[in-house]
Amino acid sequence: MKILILFSVFVILLFGQVPNSFSELELFTNSKVYAPEHNLQIYGKGLPEENLILRIFSPDDTITKFDQITTDSDGTFNYDLITWPSPSTNFPYGTYTVEVISTAQNGISQKIDVKFSSTTELVDVPVERHVNTLVFAPETAAINQPFRVFVQTTSDGLLIGNNPTELLGSTHVHLPSGLSFPLTASFKTLHQGLFFVDYTPREEGTHVFHVVAFSQGTTSHGSSATTVLSQDLGGISDQIIKLNSILDETSSELEVLKSEIAGFDSTLEKASTKIDESTSTISTSVEYISEASSQLNSLLFPIIASIGIIVALQITIIARRR
C-alpha cells in the first residue's frame, strides 16, 4: 500500500497533475437534431469544481461559440450552451461539433456531433459529415510546361481545411507510365478550403490527379485528368496565326499578280489590234505596189518593142550591105 502511495506521489510530482488513468470527463446533449429557436443544452461530469472550456465548431471547422463553466462540487454540470438562431452565413444548416475540454485533466476533451436543420420532426436526419472534394485541372497541357491544379474541399457546403499537408495527406498523380507520384508536400493554401499545386509534366499522355481529403474522420475523393501533348494549344494557335498571316501575304501577292496579268492582257489586246492594223496597212501597200508594177510594165513594153524593132532593122541593113 505504501509503495502504491509513493508511486502516485512520484507521478504527481513528475507530471504536475493527476495522470489520465484517473481522469473523468463525460459529455451529453439534450438532442441530436436542432432547429432555429431551439436550445442546445449540454450536461455531463468532470472533476469537482473543475473549469471546463466549451466550444461549438461549425461545418467548416471554425469556432462559432466559446464559453467556460465550472463543475459542481460533485463534478456534474448542466448548461444551456446556445439558442440556435435563424440560418445565416455564420450559422448555416449542417453538422456542428460540440466539444468540452478539461483544464485540470491534461487537456482531455470530449466531442459530440449534432445537426442544425430546418426541422426536428421525427424523421431520419443522419448526424454525419459530408466532405466533398473538387479538383480543377486543364484538359490539355504541353510536356515540360508547368500548369496549375486547384482543389476545393467542403463540408456541408462550407469550405474546410487550412493545412493541406494534414488535409490532403494521400494526394498523388497517376503518370502515363503507370507510376504514381505524391503531391501532398507541393500544395499551397490559396484560401481556407482552396489549395493549388504547380505541376510540370515530364511524360506525354494522360495524367490523373487523385486528391484524397480527410477531415474529422471522414474521407472524400476527387480526381481530374489532363492530357499532356508535345505542344500546347497556345503554340498550335500561334502557328495557325502565323500560317494565316503567310496566307494573307500570299493572297495579297496573288491580287497584285492578278492585276498585273490583267494589265498584260490589255497590253496584248492593244498589241494585237495594232498588229491587225499594221497587217491591213501592209496589205494595202502591197496592192498599191502591184498596181504600180502593172502600170510600169505597161509603160516599159512599148519602149522595149520599139528597141527590138530598131535592132531588127539595123541587122537587116547590115545583111544587105554584105
C-alpha atoms as a PDB file:
ATOM      1  CA  MET A   1       0.000   0.000   0.000  1.00  0.00           C
ATOM      2  CA  LYS A   2       2.807   2.408   0.921  1.00  0.00           C
ATOM      3  CA  ILE A   3       4.560   1.588  -2.313  1.00  0.00           C
ATOM      4  CA  LEU A   4       1.403   2.478  -4.332  1.00  0.00           C
ATOM      5  CA  ILE A   5       1.035   5.795  -2.464  1.00  0.00           C
ATOM      6  CA  LEU A   6       4.691   6.638  -3.056  1.00  0.00           C
ATOM      7  CA  PHE A   7       4.319   5.804  -6.745  1.00  0.00           C
ATOM      8  CA  SER A   8       1.261   8.079  -7.033  1.00  0.00           C
ATOM      9  CA  VAL A   9       3.107  10.940  -5.317  1.00  0.00           C
ATOM     10  CA  PHE A  10       6.044  10.419  -7.682  1.00  0.00           C
ATOM     11  CA  VAL A  11       3.757  10.554 -10.719  1.00  0.00           C
ATOM     12  CA  ILE A  12       2.099  13.756  -9.440  1.00  0.00           C
ATOM     13  CA  LEU A  13       5.473  15.399  -8.813  1.00  0.00           C
ATOM     14  CA  LEU A  14       6.742  14.291 -12.190  1.00  0.00           C
ATOM     15  CA  PHE A  15       3.758  15.408 -14.287  1.00  0.00           C
ATOM     16  CA  GLY A  16       2.432  18.136 -12.004  1.00  0.00           C
ATOM     17  CA  GLN A  17      -1.126  16.750 -12.151  1.00  0.00           C
ATOM     18  CA  VAL A  18      -3.215  13.620 -11.835  1.00  0.00           C
ATOM     19  CA  PRO A  19      -2.482  11.153 -14.670  1.00  0.00           C
ATOM     20  CA  ASN A  20      -5.053  10.428 -17.381  1.00  0.00           C
ATOM     21  CA  SER A  21      -5.793   6.979 -15.978  1.00  0.00           C
ATOM     22  CA  PHE A  22      -7.617   8.688 -13.095  1.00  0.00           C
ATOM     23  CA  SER A  23      -9.321  11.331 -15.253  1.00  0.00           C
ATOM     24  CA  GLU A  24     -13.075  11.605 -15.686  1.00  0.00           C
ATOM     25  CA  LEU A  25     -14.941  13.590 -18.328  1.00  0.00           C
ATOM     26  CA  GLU A  26     -18.367  12.917 -19.814  1.00  0.00           C
ATOM     27  CA  LEU A  27     -20.457  14.928 -22.242  1.00  0.00           C
ATOM     28  CA  PHE A  28     -24.059  14.613 -23.403  1.00  0.00           C
ATOM     29  CA  THR A  29     -26.560  16.794 -25.298  1.00  0.00           C
ATOM     30  CA  ASN A  30     -30.311  17.109 -24.918  1.00  0.00           C
ATOM     31  CA  SER A  31     -30.837  16.243 -28.604  1.00  0.00           C
ATOM     32  CA  LYS A  32     -29.074  15.288 -31.816  1.00  0.00           C
ATOM     33  CA  VAL A  33     -31.057  17.461 -34.221  1.00  0.00           C
ATOM     34  CA  TYR A  34     -31.922  21.127 -33.680  1.00  0.00           C
ATOM     35  CA  ALA A  35     -33.978  23.743 -35.470  1.00  0.00           C
ATOM     36  CA  PRO A  36     -33.910  27.549 -35.144  1.00  0.00           C
ATOM     37  CA  GLU A  37     -35.019  28.879 -31.706  1.00  0.00           C
ATOM     38  CA  HIS A  38     -34.237  25.537 -30.028  1.00  0.00           C
ATOM     39  CA  ASN A  39     -31.831  25.363 -27.097  1.00  0.00           C
ATOM     40  CA  LEU A  40     -28.672  23.279 -27.140  1.00  0.00           C
ATOM     41  CA  GLN A  41     -28.227  22.009 -23.596  1.00  0.00           C
ATOM     42  CA  ILE A  42     -25.170  20.050 -22.536  1.00  0.00           C
ATOM     43  CA  TYR A  43     -24.594  18.068 -19.383  1.00  0.00           C
ATOM     44  CA  GLY A  44     -22.091  15.564 -18.032  1.00  0.00           C
ATOM     45  CA  LYS A  45     -19.469  15.066 -15.399  1.00  0.00           C
ATOM     46  CA  GLY A  46     -15.881  16.033 -14.698  1.00  0.00           C
ATOM     47  CA  LEU A  47     -13.782  16.589 -11.608  1.00  0.00           C
ATOM     48  CA  PRO A  48     -15.314  18.516  -8.707  1.00  0.00           C
ATOM     49  CA  GLU A  49     -15.213  22.289  -9.214  1.00  0.00           C
ATOM     50  CA  GLU A  50     -13.210  21.899 -12.404  1.00  0.00           C
ATOM     51  CA  ASN A  51     -13.007  24.591 -15.080  1.00  0.00           C
ATOM     52  CA  LEU A  52     -14.279  23.353 -18.426  1.00  0.00           C
ATOM     53  CA  ILE A  53     -13.932  25.038 -21.809  1.00  0.00           C
ATOM     54  CA  LEU A  54     -16.931  24.709 -24.143  1.00  0.00           C
ATOM     55  CA  ARG A  55     -16.718  25.178 -27.899  1.00  0.00           C
ATOM     56  CA  ILE A  56     -19.011  24.758 -30.908  1.00  0.00           C
ATOM     57  CA  PHE A  57     -17.425  24.143 -34.321  1.00  0.00           C
ATOM     58  CA  SER A  58     -19.372  24.977 -37.473  1.00  0.00           C
ATOM     59  CA  PRO A  59     -19.308  22.680 -40.518  1.00  0.00           C
ATOM     60  CA  ASP A  60     -16.209  24.485 -41.849  1.00  0.00           C
ATOM     61  CA  ASP A  61     -14.311  23.759 -38.565  1.00  0.00           C
ATOM     62  CA  THR A  62     -14.400  27.379 -37.375  1.00  0.00           C
ATOM     63  CA  ILE A  63     -15.385  28.194 -33.784  1.00  0.00           C
ATOM     64  CA  THR A  64     -18.853  29.760 -33.639  1.00  0.00           C
ATOM     65  CA  LYS A  65     -19.312  29.642 -29.853  1.00  0.00           C
ATOM     66  CA  PHE A  66     -16.835  29.717 -26.971  1.00  0.00           C
ATOM     67  CA  ASP A  67     -17.672  29.578 -23.269  1.00  0.00           C
ATOM     68  CA  GLN A  68     -16.313  28.416 -19.901  1.00  0.00           C
ATOM     69  CA  ILE A  69     -18.058  26.875 -16.891  1.00  0.00           C
ATOM     70  CA  THR A  70     -17.160  25.319 -13.539  1.00  0.00           C
ATOM     71  CA  THR A  71     -18.468  21.931 -12.453  1.00  0.00           C
ATOM     72  CA  ASP A  72     -20.424  21.480  -9.229  1.00  0.00           C
ATOM     73  CA  SER A  73     -18.957  20.042  -6.072  1.00  0.00           C
ATOM     74  CA  ASP A  74     -19.861  16.555  -7.238  1.00  0.00           C
ATOM     75  CA  GLY A  75     -18.273  17.161 -10.670  1.00  0.00           C
ATOM     76  CA  THR A  76     -21.535  17.375 -12.636  1.00  0.00           C
ATOM     77  CA  PHE A  77     -22.524  20.196 -14.943  1.00  0.00           C
ATOM     78  CA  ASN A  78     -25.646  21.252 -16.860  1.00  0.00           C
ATOM     79  CA  TYR A  79     -25.530  24.273 -19.139  1.00  0.00           C
ATOM     80  CA  ASP A  80     -27.562  25.951 -21.904  1.00  0.00           C
ATOM     81  CA  LEU A  81     -24.844  26.464 -24.460  1.00  0.00           C
ATOM     82  CA  ILE A  82     -26.740  28.225 -27.263  1.00  0.00           C
ATOM     83  CA  THR A  83     -30.160  29.067 -28.637  1.00  0.00           C
ATOM     84  CA  TRP A  84     -29.981  28.306 -32.312  1.00  0.00           C
ATOM     85  CA  PRO A  85     -30.537  31.445 -34.426  1.00  0.00           C
ATOM     86  CA  SER A  86     -32.075  31.660 -37.872  1.00  0.00           C
ATOM     87  CA  PRO A  87     -29.788  30.201 -40.531  1.00  0.00           C
ATOM     88  CA  SER A  88     -27.219  32.633 -41.976  1.00  0.00           C
ATOM     89  CA  THR A  89     -23.716  32.658 -43.382  1.00  0.00           C
ATOM     90  CA  ASN A  90     -22.417  32.483 -39.814  1.00  0.00           C
ATOM     91  CA  PHE A  91     -24.858  29.736 -38.786  1.00  0.00           C
ATOM     92  CA  PRO A  92     -25.761  27.658 -41.868  1.00  0.00           C
ATOM     93  CA  TYR A  93     -27.556  24.351 -41.710  1.00  0.00           C
ATOM     94  CA  GLY A  94     -25.203  21.413 -41.332  1.00  0.00           C
ATOM     95  CA  THR A  95     -23.266  19.266 -38.895  1.00  0.00           C
ATOM     96  CA  TYR A  96     -21.786  21.020 -35.867  1.00  0.00           C
ATOM     97  CA  THR A  97     -19.388  19.678 -33.248  1.00  0.00           C
ATOM     98  CA  VAL A  98     -19.792  20.357 -29.526  1.00  0.00           C
ATOM     99  CA  GLU A  99     -16.571  19.998 -27.536  1.00  0.00           C
ATOM    100  CA  VAL A 100     -15.792  20.175 -23.831  1.00  0.00           C
ATOM    101  CA  ILE A 101     -12.150  20.485 -22.713  1.00  0.00           C
ATOM    102  CA  SER A 102     -10.832  19.818 -19.220  1.00  0.00           C
ATOM    103  CA  THR A 103      -8.338  22.319 -17.841  1.00  0.00           C
ATOM    104  CA  ALA A 104      -7.303  20.094 -14.941  1.00  0.00           C
ATOM    105  CA  GLN A 105      -7.048  16.687 -16.597  1.00  0.00           C
ATOM    106  CA  ASN A 106      -4.159  17.121 -19.002  1.00  0.00           C
ATOM    107  CA  GLY A 107      -6.366  18.854 -21.565  1.00  0.00           C
ATOM    108  CA  ILE A 108      -8.547  15.853 -22.360  1.00  0.00           C
ATOM    109  CA  SER A 109     -11.721  16.546 -24.314  1.00  0.00           C
ATOM    110  CA  GLN A 110     -14.993  15.007 -25.432  1.00  0.00           C
ATOM    111  CA  LYS A 111     -16.875  15.760 -28.675  1.00  0.00           C
ATOM    112  CA  ILE A 112     -20.410  15.205 -29.950  1.00  0.00           C
ATOM    113  CA  ASP A 113     -21.717  15.901 -33.451  1.00  0.00           C
ATOM    114  CA  VAL A 114     -25.171  17.490 -33.728  1.00  0.00           C
ATOM    115  CA  LYS A 115     -27.279  18.532 -36.694  1.00  0.00           C
ATOM    116  CA  PHE A 116     -28.681  22.010 -37.290  1.00  0.00           C
ATOM    117  CA  SER A 117     -31.664  21.518 -39.592  1.00  0.00           C
ATOM    118  CA  SER A 118     -34.843  23.246 -40.701  1.00  0.00           C
ATOM    119  CA  THR A 119     -36.943  20.800 -38.681  1.00  0.00           C
ATOM    120  CA  THR A 120     -36.696  18.485 -35.687  1.00  0.00           C
ATOM    121  CA  GLU A 121     -39.579  16.240 -36.653  1.00  0.00           C
ATOM    122  CA  LEU A 122     -39.209  12.546 -36.051  1.00  0.00           C
ATOM    123  CA  VAL A 123     -37.589  11.729 -39.354  1.00  0.00           C
ATOM    124  CA  ASP A 124     -34.296  10.106 -40.116  1.00  0.00           C
ATOM    125  CA  VAL A 125     -31.866  13.020 -40.097  1.00  0.00           C
ATOM    126  CA  PRO A 126     -28.382  11.492 -40.168  1.00  0.00           C
ATOM    127  CA  VAL A 127     -25.878  13.242 -37.935  1.00  0.00           C
ATOM    128  CA  GLU A 128     -22.845  12.825 -40.139  1.00  0.00           C
ATOM    129  CA  ARG A 129     -20.403  14.888 -42.121  1.00  0.00           C
ATOM    130  CA  HIS A 130     -20.399  15.121 -45.886  1.00  0.00           C
ATOM    131  CA  VAL A 131     -16.966  16.135 -47.139  1.00  0.00           C
ATOM    132  CA  ASN A 132     -16.757  16.931 -50.825  1.00  0.00           C
ATOM    133  CA  THR A 133     -13.578  17.321 -52.873  1.00  0.00           C
ATOM    134  CA  LEU A 134     -13.430  19.035 -56.252  1.00  0.00           C
ATOM    135  CA  VAL A 135     -10.357  19.032 -58.488  1.00  0.00           C
ATOM    136  CA  PHE A 136      -9.840  21.555 -61.289  1.00  0.00           C
ATOM    137  CA  ALA A 137      -7.139  20.741 -63.860  1.00  0.00           C
ATOM    138  CA  PRO A 138      -6.724  21.793 -67.524  1.00  0.00           C
ATOM    139  CA  GLU A 139      -7.882  19.324 -70.150  1.00  0.00           C
ATOM    140  CA  THR A 140      -4.678  19.620 -72.177  1.00  0.00           C
ATOM    141  CA  ALA A 141      -1.127  20.752 -71.457  1.00  0.00           C
ATOM    142  CA  ALA A 142       2.348  20.624 -73.015  1.00  0.00           C
ATOM    143  CA  ILE A 143       5.214  18.475 -71.849  1.00  0.00           C
ATOM    144  CA  ASN A 144       7.812  20.256 -69.666  1.00  0.00           C
ATOM    145  CA  GLN A 145       5.456  23.237 -69.343  1.00  0.00           C
ATOM    146  CA  PRO A 146       4.069  23.895 -65.806  1.00  0.00           C
ATOM    147  CA  PHE A 147       0.354  24.289 -65.166  1.00  0.00           C
ATOM    148  CA  ARG A 148      -1.749  24.784 -62.041  1.00  0.00           C
ATOM    149  CA  VAL A 149      -4.193  22.356 -60.422  1.00  0.00           C
ATOM    150  CA  PHE A 150      -6.786  23.644 -57.922  1.00  0.00           C
ATOM    151  CA  VAL A 151      -8.517  21.678 -55.142  1.00  0.00           C
ATOM    152  CA  GLN A 152     -11.635  22.677 -53.192  1.00  0.00           C
ATOM    153  CA  THR A 153     -12.745  20.885 -50.013  1.00  0.00           C
ATOM    154  CA  THR A 154     -16.128  21.492 -48.382  1.00  0.00           C
ATOM    155  CA  SER A 155     -18.235  20.063 -45.591  1.00  0.00           C
ATOM    156  CA  ASP A 156     -21.983  20.627 -45.743  1.00  0.00           C
ATOM    157  CA  GLY A 157     -21.318  23.261 -48.395  1.00  0.00           C
ATOM    158  CA  LEU A 158     -18.712  25.219 -46.397  1.00  0.00           C
ATOM    159  CA  LEU A 159     -15.003  25.423 -47.166  1.00  0.00           C
ATOM    160  CA  ILE A 160     -12.880  23.458 -44.712  1.00  0.00           C
ATOM    161  CA  GLY A 161      -9.187  22.989 -44.051  1.00  0.00           C
ATOM    162  CA  ASN A 162      -6.180  25.271 -43.791  1.00  0.00           C
ATOM    163  CA  ASN A 163      -3.223  22.891 -43.745  1.00  0.00           C
ATOM    164  CA  PRO A 164      -3.007  20.874 -46.984  1.00  0.00           C
ATOM    165  CA  THR A 165      -0.309  18.606 -45.527  1.00  0.00           C
ATOM    166  CA  GLU A 166      -2.816  17.260 -42.987  1.00  0.00           C
ATOM    167  CA  LEU A 167      -5.981  17.543 -45.050  1.00  0.00           C
ATOM    168  CA  LEU A 168      -4.601  16.181 -48.365  1.00  0.00           C
ATOM    169  CA  GLY A 169      -2.104  13.724 -46.943  1.00  0.00           C
ATOM    170  CA  SER A 170      -2.681  10.982 -49.531  1.00  0.00           C
ATOM    171  CA  THR A 171      -2.971  13.070 -52.691  1.00  0.00           C
ATOM    172  CA  HIS A 172      -0.989  11.851 -55.714  1.00  0.00           C
ATOM    173  CA  VAL A 173      -0.871  11.835 -59.505  1.00  0.00           C
ATOM    174  CA  HIS A 174      -1.005   8.748 -61.732  1.00  0.00           C
ATOM    175  CA  LEU A 175       1.500   9.016 -64.585  1.00  0.00           C
ATOM    176  CA  PRO A 176       1.042   7.569 -68.097  1.00  0.00           C
ATOM    177  CA  SER A 177       3.842   5.103 -67.374  1.00  0.00           C
ATOM    178  CA  GLY A 178       1.732   3.531 -64.615  1.00  0.00           C
ATOM    179  CA  LEU A 179       3.694   5.014 -61.719  1.00  0.00           C
ATOM    180  CA  SER A 180       2.270   7.414 -59.124  1.00  0.00           C
ATOM    181  CA  PHE A 181       3.876  10.482 -57.606  1.00  0.00           C
ATOM    182  CA  PRO A 182       2.840  12.107 -54.260  1.00  0.00           C
ATOM    183  CA  LEU A 183       1.782  15.754 -54.318  1.00  0.00           C
ATOM    184  CA  THR A 184       0.988  16.449 -50.655  1.00  0.00           C
ATOM    185  CA  ALA A 185       4.116  18.470 -49.919  1.00  0.00           C
ATOM    186  CA  SER A 186       3.637  20.566 -53.062  1.00  0.00           C
ATOM    187  CA  PHE A 187       0.222  22.039 -52.259  1.00  0.00           C
ATOM    188  CA  LYS A 188      -0.141  25.648 -51.157  1.00  0.00           C
ATOM    189  CA  THR A 189      -3.111  27.311 -49.463  1.00  0.00           C
ATOM    190  CA  LEU A 190      -4.954  29.898 -51.503  1.00  0.00           C
ATOM    191  CA  HIS A 191      -7.819  30.302 -49.032  1.00  0.00           C
ATOM    192  CA  GLN A 192      -9.498  28.166 -46.415  1.00  0.00           C
ATOM    193  CA  GLY A 193     -10.605  25.082 -48.298  1.00  0.00           C
ATOM    194  CA  LEU A 194      -8.898  26.217 -51.530  1.00  0.00           C
ATOM    195  CA  PHE A 195      -5.484  24.844 -52.467  1.00  0.00           C
ATOM    196  CA  PHE A 196      -3.297  24.699 -55.563  1.00  0.00           C
ATOM    197  CA  VAL A 197      -0.204  22.956 -56.867  1.00  0.00           C
ATOM    198  CA  ASP A 198       2.044  23.880 -59.791  1.00  0.00           C
ATOM    199  CA  TYR A 199       2.795  20.696 -61.699  1.00  0.00           C
ATOM    200  CA  THR A 200       5.285  20.167 -64.530  1.00  0.00           C
ATOM    201  CA  PRO A 201       4.636  17.008 -66.601  1.00  0.00           C
ATOM    202  CA  ARG A 202       7.619  15.030 -67.855  1.00  0.00           C
ATOM    203  CA  GLU A 203       5.708  12.426 -69.867  1.00  0.00           C
ATOM    204  CA  GLU A 204       3.257  12.628 -72.737  1.00  0.00           C
ATOM    205  CA  GLY A 205      -0.107  11.012 -72.148  1.00  0.00           C
ATOM    206  CA  THR A 206      -2.903  11.202 -69.584  1.00  0.00           C
ATOM    207  CA  HIS A 207      -2.047  12.384 -66.052  1.00  0.00           C
ATOM    208  CA  VAL A 208      -4.759  11.628 -63.452  1.00  0.00           C
ATOM    209  CA  PHE A 209      -4.757  13.756 -60.287  1.00  0.00           C
ATOM    210  CA  HIS A 210      -6.238  11.797 -57.365  1.00  0.00           C
ATOM    211  CA  VAL A 211      -6.979  14.005 -54.363  1.00  0.00           C
ATOM    212  CA  VAL A 212      -7.845  12.373 -51.025  1.00  0.00           C
ATOM    213  CA  ALA A 213      -9.221  14.672 -48.302  1.00  0.00           C
ATOM    214  CA  PHE A 214      -9.508  13.502 -44.686  1.00  0.00           C
ATOM    215  CA  SER A 215     -11.370  15.675 -42.149  1.00  0.00           C
ATOM    216  CA  GLN A 216     -12.980  14.819 -38.809  1.00  0.00           C
ATOM    217  CA  GLY A 217     -12.736  11.116 -39.537  1.00  0.00           C
ATOM    218  CA  THR A 218     -14.417  11.449 -42.952  1.00  0.00           C
ATOM    219  CA  THR A 219     -12.661  10.717 -46.240  1.00  0.00           C
ATOM    220  CA  SER A 220     -13.523  12.253 -49.589  1.00  0.00           C
ATOM    221  CA  HIS A 221     -12.043  11.569 -53.027  1.00  0.00           C
ATOM    222  CA  GLY A 222     -11.813  13.743 -56.104  1.00  0.00           C
ATOM    223  CA  SER A 223      -9.979  13.362 -59.393  1.00  0.00           C
ATOM    224  CA  SER A 224      -9.304  15.092 -62.680  1.00  0.00           C
ATOM    225  CA  ALA A 225      -7.327  14.175 -65.798  1.00  0.00           C
ATOM    226  CA  THR A 226      -5.031  16.198 -68.053  1.00  0.00           C
ATOM    227  CA  THR A 227      -3.790  15.063 -71.467  1.00  0.00           C
ATOM    228  CA  VAL A 228      -0.173  16.117 -71.974  1.00  0.00           C
ATOM    229  CA  LEU A 229       0.836  16.757 -75.589  1.00  0.00           C
ATOM    230  CA  SER A 230       4.157  17.559 -77.232  1.00  0.00           C
ATOM    231  CA  GLN A 231       2.879  21.098 -77.704  1.00  0.00           C
ATOM    232  CA  ASP A 232       0.110  23.007 -76.046  1.00  0.00           C
ATOM    233  CA  LEU A 233      -2.846  24.610 -77.795  1.00  0.00           C
ATOM    234  CA  GLY A 234      -1.248  28.023 -77.370  1.00  0.00           C
ATOM    235  CA  GLY A 235       1.718  27.012 -79.529  1.00  0.00           C
ATOM    236  CA  ILE A 236      -0.582  25.442 -82.121  1.00  0.00           C
ATOM    237  CA  SER A 237      -2.673  28.612 -82.114  1.00  0.00           C
ATOM    238  CA  ASP A 238       0.450  30.729 -82.673  1.00  0.00           C
ATOM    239  CA  GLN A 239       1.399  28.534 -85.631  1.00  0.00           C
ATOM    240  CA  ILE A 240      -2.104  28.850 -87.067  1.00  0.00           C
ATOM    241  CA  ILE A 241      -1.942  32.625 -86.662  1.00  0.00           C
ATOM    242  CA  LYS A 242       1.460  32.668 -88.375  1.00  0.00           C
ATOM    243  CA  LEU A 243       0.120  30.460 -91.194  1.00  0.00           C
ATOM    244  CA  ASN A 244      -2.879  32.750 -91.595  1.00  0.00           C
ATOM    245  CA  SER A 245      -0.514  35.717 -91.813  1.00  0.00           C
ATOM    246  CA  ILE A 246       1.516  33.969 -94.527  1.00  0.00           C
ATOM    247  CA  LEU A 247      -1.679  33.086 -96.397  1.00  0.00           C
ATOM    248  CA  ASP A 248      -2.798  36.704 -96.186  1.00  0.00           C
ATOM    249  CA  GLU A 249       0.533  37.873 -97.635  1.00  0.00           C
ATOM    250  CA  THR A 250       0.279  35.257-100.400  1.00  0.00           C
ATOM    251  CA  SER A 251      -3.251  36.348-101.152  1.00  0.00           C
ATOM    252  CA  SER A 252      -2.105  39.971-101.414  1.00  0.00           C
ATOM    253  CA  GLU A 253       0.712  38.980-103.782  1.00  0.00           C
ATOM    254  CA  LEU A 254      -1.741  36.985-105.872  1.00  0.00           C
ATOM    255  CA  GLU A 255      -4.008  40.020-106.110  1.00  0.00           C
ATOM    256  CA  VAL A 256      -1.038  42.131-107.298  1.00  0.00           C
ATOM    257  CA  LEU A 257      -0.096  39.421-109.831  1.00  0.00           C
ATOM    258  CA  LYS A 258      -3.697  39.220-110.963  1.00  0.00           C
ATOM    259  CA  SER A 259      -3.818  42.974-111.502  1.00  0.00           C
ATOM    260  CA  GLU A 260      -0.528  42.814-113.424  1.00  0.00           C
ATOM    261  CA  ILE A 261      -1.814  39.949-115.564  1.00  0.00           C
ATOM    262  CA  ALA A 262      -4.968  41.953-116.232  1.00  0.00           C
ATOM    263  CA  GLY A 263      -2.785  44.849-117.435  1.00  0.00           C
ATOM    264  CA  PHE A 264      -0.763  42.440-119.547  1.00  0.00           C
ATOM    265  CA  ASP A 265      -3.949  41.140-121.128  1.00  0.00           C
ATOM    266  CA  SER A 266      -4.965  44.670-122.075  1.00  0.00           C
ATOM    267  CA  THR A 267      -1.457  45.309-123.463  1.00  0.00           C
ATOM    268  CA  LEU A 268      -1.655  42.126-125.546  1.00  0.00           C
ATOM    269  CA  GLU A 269      -5.058  43.152-126.824  1.00  0.00           C
ATOM    270  CA  LYS A 270      -3.738  46.571-127.834  1.00  0.00           C
ATOM    271  CA  ALA A 271      -0.675  44.959-129.495  1.00  0.00           C
ATOM    272  CA  SER A 272      -2.942  42.528-131.360  1.00  0.00           C
ATOM    273  CA  THR A 273      -5.083  45.428-132.536  1.00  0.00           C
ATOM    274  CA  LYS A 274      -2.022  47.341-133.738  1.00  0.00           C
ATOM    275  CA  ILE A 275      -0.680  44.237-135.498  1.00  0.00           C
ATOM    276  CA  ASP A 276      -4.028  43.838-137.228  1.00  0.00           C
ATOM    277  CA  GLU A 277      -3.920  47.486-138.248  1.00  0.00           C
ATOM    278  CA  SER A 278      -0.317  47.091-139.445  1.00  0.00           C
ATOM    279  CA  THR A 279      -1.237  43.965-141.445  1.00  0.00           C
ATOM    280  CA  SER A 280      -4.095  45.800-143.070  1.00  0.00           C
ATOM    281  CA  THR A 281      -1.769  48.695-143.936  1.00  0.00           C
ATOM    282  CA  ILE A 282       0.836  46.341-145.420  1.00  0.00           C
ATOM    283  CA  SER A 283      -1.837  44.591-147.470  1.00  0.00           C
ATOM    284  CA  THR A 284      -2.974  47.927-148.844  1.00  0.00           C
ATOM    285  CA  SER A 285       0.654  48.852-149.626  1.00  0.00           C
ATOM    286  CA  VAL A 286       1.152  45.570-151.480  1.00  0.00           C
ATOM    287  CA  GLU A 287      -1.936  46.292-153.580  1.00  0.00           C
ATOM    288  CA  TYR A 288      -0.600  49.749-154.362  1.00  0.00           C
ATOM    289  CA  ILE A 289       2.791  48.246-155.304  1.00  0.00           C
ATOM    290  CA  SER A 290       1.075  45.662-157.536  1.00  0.00           C
ATOM    291  CA  GLU A 291      -0.889  48.387-159.322  1.00  0.00           C
ATOM    292  CA  ALA A 292       2.293  50.467-159.738  1.00  0.00           C
ATOM    293  CA  SER A 293       4.113  47.431-161.160  1.00  0.00           C
ATOM    294  CA  SER A 294       1.332  46.859-163.702  1.00  0.00           C
ATOM    295  CA  GLN A 295       1.427  50.500-164.751  1.00  0.00           C
ATOM    296  CA  LEU A 296       5.244  50.380-165.062  1.00  0.00           C
ATOM    297  CA  ASN A 297       5.023  47.250-167.179  1.00  0.00           C
ATOM    298  CA  SER A 298       2.503  48.911-169.461  1.00  0.00           C
ATOM    299  CA  LEU A 299       4.869  51.857-169.902  1.00  0.00           C
ATOM    300  CA  LEU A 300       8.017  49.798-170.471  1.00  0.00           C
ATOM    301  CA  PHE A 301       6.524  47.300-173.001  1.00  0.00           C
ATOM    302  CA  PRO A 302       6.189  49.717-175.986  1.00  0.00           C
ATOM    303  CA  ILE A 303       9.673  51.068-175.366  1.00  0.00           C
ATOM    304  CA  ILE A 304      11.174  47.585-175.380  1.00  0.00           C
ATOM    305  CA  ALA A 305       9.182  46.680-178.501  1.00  0.00           C
ATOM    306  CA  SER A 306      10.482  49.792-180.271  1.00  0.00           C
ATOM    307  CA  ILE A 307      14.034  48.959-179.333  1.00  0.00           C
ATOM    308  CA  GLY A 308      13.516  45.418-180.697  1.00  0.00           C
ATOM    309  CA  ILE A 309      12.222  46.789-183.986  1.00  0.00           C
ATOM    310  CA  ILE A 310      15.157  49.175-184.298  1.00  0.00           C
ATOM    311  CA  VAL A 311      17.663  46.379-183.626  1.00  0.00           C
ATOM    312  CA  ALA A 312      15.969  44.181-186.262  1.00  0.00           C
ATOM    313  CA  LEU A 313      16.117  46.949-188.871  1.00  0.00           C
ATOM    314  CA  GLN A 314      19.802  47.551-188.234  1.00  0.00           C
ATOM    315  CA  ILE A 315      20.509  43.818-188.612  1.00  0.00           C
ATOM    316  CA  THR A 316      18.608  43.804-191.937  1.00  0.00           C
ATOM    317  CA  ILE A 317      20.502  46.787-193.236  1.00  0.00           C
ATOM    318  CA  ILE A 318      23.850  45.254-192.346  1.00  0.00           C
ATOM    319  CA  ALA A 319      22.919  41.986-194.022  1.00  0.00           C
ATOM    320  CA  ARG A 320      22.034  43.698-197.299  1.00  0.00           C
ATOM    321  CA  ARG A 321      25.296  45.589-197.442  1.00  0.00           C
ATOM    322  CA  ARG A 322      27.262  42.359-197.329  1.00  0.00           C
END
